[in-house]
Amino acid sequence: MARVGMRATAAYIYIRGEYVNEHKDLEKARKEAYEAGLLGKNSCGSGYDFDVHIHYGAGAYICGEETALLESLEGKQGKPRLKPPFPLMQGYMGLIRHFKPDLERRIMERVEKELLEAAA
């Protein structure tokens, strides 16, 4: 639901590299979701495309800090960035141009609209 409200087209899952069995389980679950039509083009028959990307990090503890996580996702060493800009304002790879403080309200409005349309 948050995907629809945010108009997101992708999700990024970050998992530490030493979790080998969890990697396999996560890849299997993602593959099953794509095969079932829950992810990918026209996911869930919603008219929206949504992809999930799995990123395997080096397992650095510091990647729990948001800017270090972004650095690792971008292929750099997972070290914290100087702030500002804050990740909430800039996003992954600078993709967020304008942060709307009413994001939660917009998500709920979008979800309610989708539920009403589906019930009609």
N, C-alpha and C. Protein backbone atom coordinates (compact mmCIF):
# COMPACT_ATOMS: atom_id res chain seq x y z
N MET A 1 0.81 -1.18 0.00
CA MET A 1 0.00 0.00 0.00
C MET A 1 0.86 1.25 0.00
N ALA A 2 1.94 1.22 0.76
CA ALA A 2 2.81 2.38 0.79
C ALA A 2 3.41 2.62 -0.59
N ARG A 3 3.68 1.55 -1.34
CA ARG A 3 4.22 1.68 -2.70
C ARG A 3 3.30 2.52 -3.56
N VAL A 4 2.01 2.28 -3.48
CA VAL A 4 1.05 3.02 -4.29
C VAL A 4 1.00 4.47 -3.83
N GLY A 5 0.92 4.68 -2.53
CA GLY A 5 0.85 6.04 -2.00
C GLY A 5 2.06 6.88 -2.32
N MET A 6 3.23 6.25 -2.35
CA MET A 6 4.46 6.97 -2.64
C MET A 6 4.78 7.01 -4.13
N ARG A 7 3.99 6.28 -4.91
CA ARG A 7 4.24 6.13 -6.35
C ARG A 7 5.62 5.54 -6.62
N ALA A 8 6.03 4.64 -5.74
CA ALA A 8 7.34 3.99 -5.87
C ALA A 8 7.27 2.92 -6.96
N THR A 9 8.36 2.75 -7.67
CA THR A 9 8.44 1.72 -8.70
C THR A 9 9.45 0.64 -8.35
N ALA A 10 10.14 0.83 -7.23
CA ALA A 10 11.16 -0.15 -6.83
C ALA A 10 11.38 -0.12 -5.33
N ALA A 11 11.82 -1.26 -4.81
CA ALA A 11 12.22 -1.38 -3.41
C ALA A 11 13.61 -1.97 -3.39
N TYR A 12 14.40 -1.57 -2.42
CA TYR A 12 15.75 -2.07 -2.27
C TYR A 12 15.87 -2.77 -0.92
N ILE A 13 16.28 -4.02 -0.96
CA ILE A 13 16.49 -4.78 0.26
C ILE A 13 17.99 -4.94 0.44
N TYR A 14 18.49 -4.55 1.59
CA TYR A 14 19.91 -4.65 1.90
C TYR A 14 20.09 -5.78 2.90
N ILE A 15 20.96 -6.73 2.56
CA ILE A 15 21.22 -7.86 3.45
C ILE A 15 22.72 -8.06 3.57
N ARG A 16 23.15 -8.35 4.77
CA ARG A 16 24.59 -8.54 5.00
C ARG A 16 25.08 -9.78 4.27
N GLY A 17 26.27 -9.69 3.73
CA GLY A 17 26.84 -10.73 2.90
C GLY A 17 27.07 -12.07 3.58
N GLU A 18 27.23 -12.08 4.90
CA GLU A 18 27.50 -13.35 5.57
C GLU A 18 26.25 -14.19 5.80
N TYR A 19 25.08 -13.66 5.50
CA TYR A 19 23.84 -14.42 5.68
C TYR A 19 23.55 -15.24 4.42
N VAL A 20 24.31 -16.29 4.21
CA VAL A 20 24.24 -17.08 2.98
C VAL A 20 22.89 -17.77 2.83
N ASN A 21 22.42 -18.45 3.86
CA ASN A 21 21.14 -19.15 3.76
C ASN A 21 19.98 -18.17 3.57
N GLU A 22 20.05 -17.05 4.25
CA GLU A 22 19.01 -16.04 4.10
C GLU A 22 19.00 -15.46 2.69
N HIS A 23 20.19 -15.35 2.08
CA HIS A 23 20.29 -14.88 0.68
C HIS A 23 19.46 -15.80 -0.20
N LYS A 24 19.68 -17.10 -0.05
CA LYS A 24 18.99 -18.08 -0.88
C LYS A 24 17.48 -17.99 -0.69
N ASP A 25 17.05 -17.90 0.57
CA ASP A 25 15.62 -17.81 0.86
C ASP A 25 15.00 -16.54 0.28
N LEU A 26 15.72 -15.44 0.40
CA LEU A 26 15.23 -14.17 -0.11
C LEU A 26 15.13 -14.18 -1.63
N GLU A 27 16.14 -14.72 -2.30
CA GLU A 27 16.12 -14.82 -3.76
C GLU A 27 14.96 -15.72 -4.21
N LYS A 28 14.75 -16.82 -3.50
CA LYS A 28 13.66 -17.74 -3.84
C LYS A 28 12.31 -17.04 -3.69
N ALA A 29 12.12 -16.32 -2.59
CA ALA A 29 10.87 -15.60 -2.35
C ALA A 29 10.63 -14.54 -3.42
N ARG A 30 11.69 -13.83 -3.80
CA ARG A 30 11.54 -12.81 -4.84
C ARG A 30 11.17 -13.45 -6.16
N LYS A 31 11.81 -14.55 -6.51
CA LYS A 31 11.50 -15.25 -7.76
C LYS A 31 10.04 -15.72 -7.77
N GLU A 32 9.58 -16.29 -6.65
CA GLU A 32 8.20 -16.74 -6.56
C GLU A 32 7.22 -15.58 -6.70
N ALA A 33 7.54 -14.45 -6.10
CA ALA A 33 6.67 -13.28 -6.19
C ALA A 33 6.57 -12.77 -7.63
N TYR A 34 7.70 -12.78 -8.36
CA TYR A 34 7.66 -12.38 -9.77
C TYR A 34 6.83 -13.37 -10.58
N GLU A 35 7.03 -14.66 -10.34
CA GLU A 35 6.29 -15.68 -11.09
C GLU A 35 4.79 -15.62 -10.81
N ALA A 36 4.41 -15.23 -9.59
CA ALA A 36 3.00 -15.13 -9.22
C ALA A 36 2.37 -13.81 -9.67
N GLY A 37 3.19 -12.92 -10.23
CA GLY A 37 2.68 -11.63 -10.68
C GLY A 37 2.53 -10.59 -9.59
N LEU A 38 3.09 -10.88 -8.42
CA LEU A 38 3.02 -9.92 -7.32
C LEU A 38 4.03 -8.80 -7.49
N LEU A 39 5.08 -9.05 -8.26
CA LEU A 39 6.12 -8.07 -8.56
C LEU A 39 6.32 -8.01 -10.06
N GLY A 40 6.94 -6.93 -10.52
CA GLY A 40 7.25 -6.80 -11.94
C GLY A 40 6.24 -5.90 -12.64
N LYS A 41 6.11 -6.10 -13.95
CA LYS A 41 5.17 -5.32 -14.75
C LYS A 41 3.75 -5.61 -14.29
N ASN A 42 2.95 -4.56 -14.14
CA ASN A 42 1.54 -4.68 -13.76
C ASN A 42 1.38 -5.56 -12.51
N SER A 43 2.16 -5.28 -11.49
CA SER A 43 2.16 -6.12 -10.29
C SER A 43 0.77 -6.19 -9.67
N CYS A 44 0.37 -7.38 -9.32
CA CYS A 44 -0.94 -7.67 -8.71
C CYS A 44 -2.09 -7.22 -9.60
N GLY A 45 -1.85 -7.03 -10.89
CA GLY A 45 -2.90 -6.56 -11.78
C GLY A 45 -3.32 -5.13 -11.49
N SER A 46 -2.45 -4.37 -10.85
CA SER A 46 -2.79 -3.02 -10.39
C SER A 46 -2.58 -1.94 -11.44
N GLY A 47 -1.88 -2.27 -12.51
CA GLY A 47 -1.52 -1.25 -13.47
C GLY A 47 -0.21 -0.55 -13.14
N TYR A 48 0.38 -0.93 -12.01
CA TYR A 48 1.65 -0.37 -11.58
C TYR A 48 2.77 -1.39 -11.76
N ASP A 49 3.95 -0.89 -12.11
CA ASP A 49 5.13 -1.74 -12.18
C ASP A 49 5.88 -1.58 -10.87
N PHE A 50 6.36 -2.69 -10.33
CA PHE A 50 7.11 -2.62 -9.08
C PHE A 50 8.15 -3.72 -9.05
N ASP A 51 9.40 -3.32 -8.88
CA ASP A 51 10.52 -4.27 -8.84
C ASP A 51 11.20 -4.23 -7.48
N VAL A 52 11.77 -5.37 -7.10
CA VAL A 52 12.52 -5.48 -5.85
C VAL A 52 13.96 -5.83 -6.19
N HIS A 53 14.87 -5.03 -5.68
CA HIS A 53 16.29 -5.25 -5.89
C HIS A 53 16.91 -5.68 -4.57
N ILE A 54 17.72 -6.70 -4.61
CA ILE A 54 18.39 -7.19 -3.41
C ILE A 54 19.87 -6.83 -3.50
N HIS A 55 20.36 -6.16 -2.48
CA HIS A 55 21.76 -5.75 -2.45
C HIS A 55 22.46 -6.47 -1.30
N TYR A 56 23.53 -7.15 -1.63
CA TYR A 56 24.31 -7.86 -0.62
C TYR A 56 25.51 -7.01 -0.24
N GLY A 57 25.53 -6.57 1.01
CA GLY A 57 26.61 -5.72 1.48
C GLY A 57 27.75 -6.53 2.07
N ALA A 58 28.79 -5.83 2.42
CA ALA A 58 29.98 -6.47 2.97
C ALA A 58 29.79 -6.89 4.42
N GLY A 59 28.67 -6.54 4.99
CA GLY A 59 28.39 -6.95 6.36
C GLY A 59 28.90 -6.00 7.41
N ALA A 60 29.18 -4.76 7.04
CA ALA A 60 29.69 -3.80 8.00
C ALA A 60 28.59 -3.34 8.95
N TYR A 61 28.90 -3.34 10.22
CA TYR A 61 27.96 -2.90 11.25
C TYR A 61 27.50 -1.48 10.98
N ILE A 62 28.38 -0.64 10.52
CA ILE A 62 28.08 0.78 10.32
C ILE A 62 27.00 0.99 9.27
N CYS A 63 26.74 0.01 8.43
CA CYS A 63 25.72 0.17 7.39
C CYS A 63 24.31 0.23 7.96
N GLY A 64 24.17 0.11 9.28
CA GLY A 64 22.89 0.36 9.92
C GLY A 64 22.61 1.86 9.99
N GLU A 65 23.62 2.67 9.83
CA GLU A 65 23.44 4.12 9.80
C GLU A 65 23.00 4.49 8.39
N GLU A 66 21.97 5.33 8.26
CA GLU A 66 21.31 5.54 6.98
C GLU A 66 22.24 6.03 5.86
N THR A 67 23.15 6.94 6.15
CA THR A 67 24.01 7.43 5.07
C THR A 67 25.07 6.40 4.68
N ALA A 68 25.53 5.60 5.65
CA ALA A 68 26.48 4.53 5.33
C ALA A 68 25.79 3.47 4.47
N LEU A 69 24.53 3.20 4.76
CA LEU A 69 23.75 2.26 3.96
C LEU A 69 23.63 2.76 2.52
N LEU A 70 23.32 4.03 2.35
CA LEU A 70 23.23 4.59 1.00
C LEU A 70 24.56 4.50 0.27
N GLU A 71 25.65 4.77 0.96
CA GLU A 71 26.98 4.65 0.35
C GLU A 71 27.19 3.22 -0.14
N SER A 72 26.87 2.23 0.68
CA SER A 72 27.05 0.83 0.31
C SER A 72 26.17 0.46 -0.88
N LEU A 73 24.92 0.92 -0.89
CA LEU A 73 24.03 0.65 -2.01
C LEU A 73 24.56 1.24 -3.31
N GLU A 74 25.27 2.35 -3.21
CA GLU A 74 25.84 3.01 -4.38
C GLU A 74 27.17 2.40 -4.79
N GLY A 75 27.60 1.31 -4.12
CA GLY A 75 28.82 0.63 -4.50
C GLY A 75 30.08 1.18 -3.86
N LYS A 76 29.92 2.06 -2.91
CA LYS A 76 31.06 2.64 -2.22
C LYS A 76 31.26 1.93 -0.89
N GLN A 77 32.35 2.27 -0.21
CA GLN A 77 32.60 1.72 1.11
C GLN A 77 31.56 2.29 2.07
N GLY A 78 30.97 1.42 2.92
CA GLY A 78 29.91 1.85 3.82
C GLY A 78 30.38 2.72 4.95
N LYS A 79 30.60 3.99 4.68
CA LYS A 79 31.01 4.96 5.69
C LYS A 79 29.98 6.07 5.73
N PRO A 80 29.68 6.59 6.93
CA PRO A 80 28.69 7.67 7.03
C PRO A 80 29.11 8.90 6.24
N ARG A 81 28.12 9.57 5.66
CA ARG A 81 28.33 10.82 4.94
C ARG A 81 28.20 11.98 5.93
N LEU A 82 28.77 13.08 5.53
CA LEU A 82 28.54 14.31 6.27
C LEU A 82 27.13 14.79 5.94
N LYS A 83 26.43 15.32 6.92
CA LYS A 83 25.08 15.82 6.70
C LYS A 83 25.07 17.31 6.97
N PRO A 84 24.23 18.11 6.41
CA PRO A 84 23.28 17.82 5.35
C PRO A 84 23.98 17.62 4.02
N PRO A 85 23.34 17.16 2.95
CA PRO A 85 21.90 16.92 2.88
C PRO A 85 21.51 15.64 3.62
N PHE A 86 20.34 15.66 4.22
CA PHE A 86 19.83 14.50 4.92
C PHE A 86 19.20 13.55 3.91
N PRO A 87 19.36 12.24 4.12
CA PRO A 87 18.82 11.27 3.17
C PRO A 87 17.32 11.44 2.89
N LEU A 88 16.57 11.83 3.89
CA LEU A 88 15.14 12.03 3.70
C LEU A 88 14.87 13.12 2.67
N MET A 89 15.76 14.08 2.58
CA MET A 89 15.57 15.18 1.65
C MET A 89 16.11 14.85 0.25
N GLN A 90 17.12 13.99 0.18
CA GLN A 90 17.78 13.72 -1.09
C GLN A 90 17.46 12.33 -1.63
N GLY A 91 17.36 11.33 -0.76
CA GLY A 91 17.02 9.99 -1.20
C GLY A 91 18.19 9.21 -1.75
N TYR A 92 17.88 7.99 -2.13
CA TYR A 92 18.88 7.09 -2.73
C TYR A 92 19.31 7.63 -4.07
N MET A 93 20.59 7.81 -4.25
CA MET A 93 21.18 8.32 -5.48
C MET A 93 20.62 9.69 -5.87
N GLY A 94 20.15 10.44 -4.86
CA GLY A 94 19.63 11.78 -5.12
C GLY A 94 18.31 11.79 -5.86
N LEU A 95 17.55 10.70 -5.79
CA LEU A 95 16.33 10.59 -6.58
C LEU A 95 15.17 11.41 -6.03
N ILE A 96 15.19 11.75 -4.76
CA ILE A 96 14.11 12.55 -4.20
C ILE A 96 14.47 14.01 -4.37
N ARG A 97 13.67 14.74 -5.10
CA ARG A 97 13.95 16.15 -5.35
C ARG A 97 13.27 17.05 -4.32
N HIS A 98 12.06 16.72 -3.96
CA HIS A 98 11.31 17.55 -3.01
C HIS A 98 10.62 16.64 -2.02
N PHE A 99 10.91 16.82 -0.75
CA PHE A 99 10.25 16.05 0.28
C PHE A 99 8.97 16.76 0.68
N LYS A 100 7.89 16.01 0.71
CA LYS A 100 6.60 16.54 1.13
C LYS A 100 6.35 16.10 2.57
N PRO A 101 6.21 17.04 3.49
CA PRO A 101 6.01 16.65 4.89
C PRO A 101 4.69 15.94 5.13
N ASP A 102 3.78 16.00 4.17
CA ASP A 102 2.49 15.35 4.35
C ASP A 102 2.46 13.98 3.69
N LEU A 103 3.61 13.32 3.61
CA LEU A 103 3.71 12.04 2.92
C LEU A 103 2.76 11.00 3.50
N GLU A 104 2.68 10.92 4.82
CA GLU A 104 1.82 9.92 5.45
C GLU A 104 0.36 10.16 5.05
N ARG A 105 -0.07 11.41 5.06
CA ARG A 105 -1.45 11.73 4.67
C ARG A 105 -1.70 11.33 3.22
N ARG A 106 -0.74 11.64 2.34
CA ARG A 106 -0.91 11.30 0.93
C ARG A 106 -0.99 9.79 0.72
N ILE A 107 -0.20 9.04 1.48
CA ILE A 107 -0.24 7.58 1.37
C ILE A 107 -1.61 7.06 1.77
N MET A 108 -2.11 7.54 2.89
CA MET A 108 -3.41 7.07 3.36
C MET A 108 -4.53 7.45 2.38
N GLU A 109 -4.49 8.66 1.82
CA GLU A 109 -5.49 9.06 0.84
C GLU A 109 -5.45 8.16 -0.38
N ARG A 110 -4.26 7.83 -0.83
CA ARG A 110 -4.10 6.98 -2.01
C ARG A 110 -4.60 5.57 -1.74
N VAL A 111 -4.28 5.04 -0.57
CA VAL A 111 -4.73 3.70 -0.19
C VAL A 111 -6.25 3.66 -0.11
N GLU A 112 -6.84 4.67 0.53
CA GLU A 112 -8.31 4.72 0.63
C GLU A 112 -8.94 4.77 -0.76
N LYS A 113 -8.37 5.55 -1.65
CA LYS A 113 -8.89 5.65 -3.02
C LYS A 113 -8.82 4.30 -3.72
N GLU A 114 -7.69 3.63 -3.60
CA GLU A 114 -7.51 2.32 -4.23
C GLU A 114 -8.51 1.30 -3.67
N LEU A 115 -8.73 1.33 -2.36
CA LEU A 115 -9.67 0.40 -1.74
C LEU A 115 -11.10 0.68 -2.19
N LEU A 116 -11.47 1.95 -2.29
CA LEU A 116 -12.81 2.31 -2.75
C LEU A 116 -13.02 1.89 -4.20
N GLU A 117 -12.01 2.11 -5.04
CA GLU A 117 -12.11 1.71 -6.45
C GLU A 117 -12.21 0.20 -6.59
N ALA A 118 -11.48 -0.53 -5.77
CA ALA A 118 -11.51 -1.98 -5.84
C ALA A 118 -12.86 -2.52 -5.36
N ALA A 119 -13.49 -1.83 -4.42
CA ALA A 119 -14.77 -2.29 -3.89
C ALA A 119 -15.92 -1.97 -4.83
N ALA A 120 -15.72 -1.00 -5.71
CA ALA A 120 -16.81 -0.58 -6.62
C ALA A 120 -17.06 -1.56 -7.74
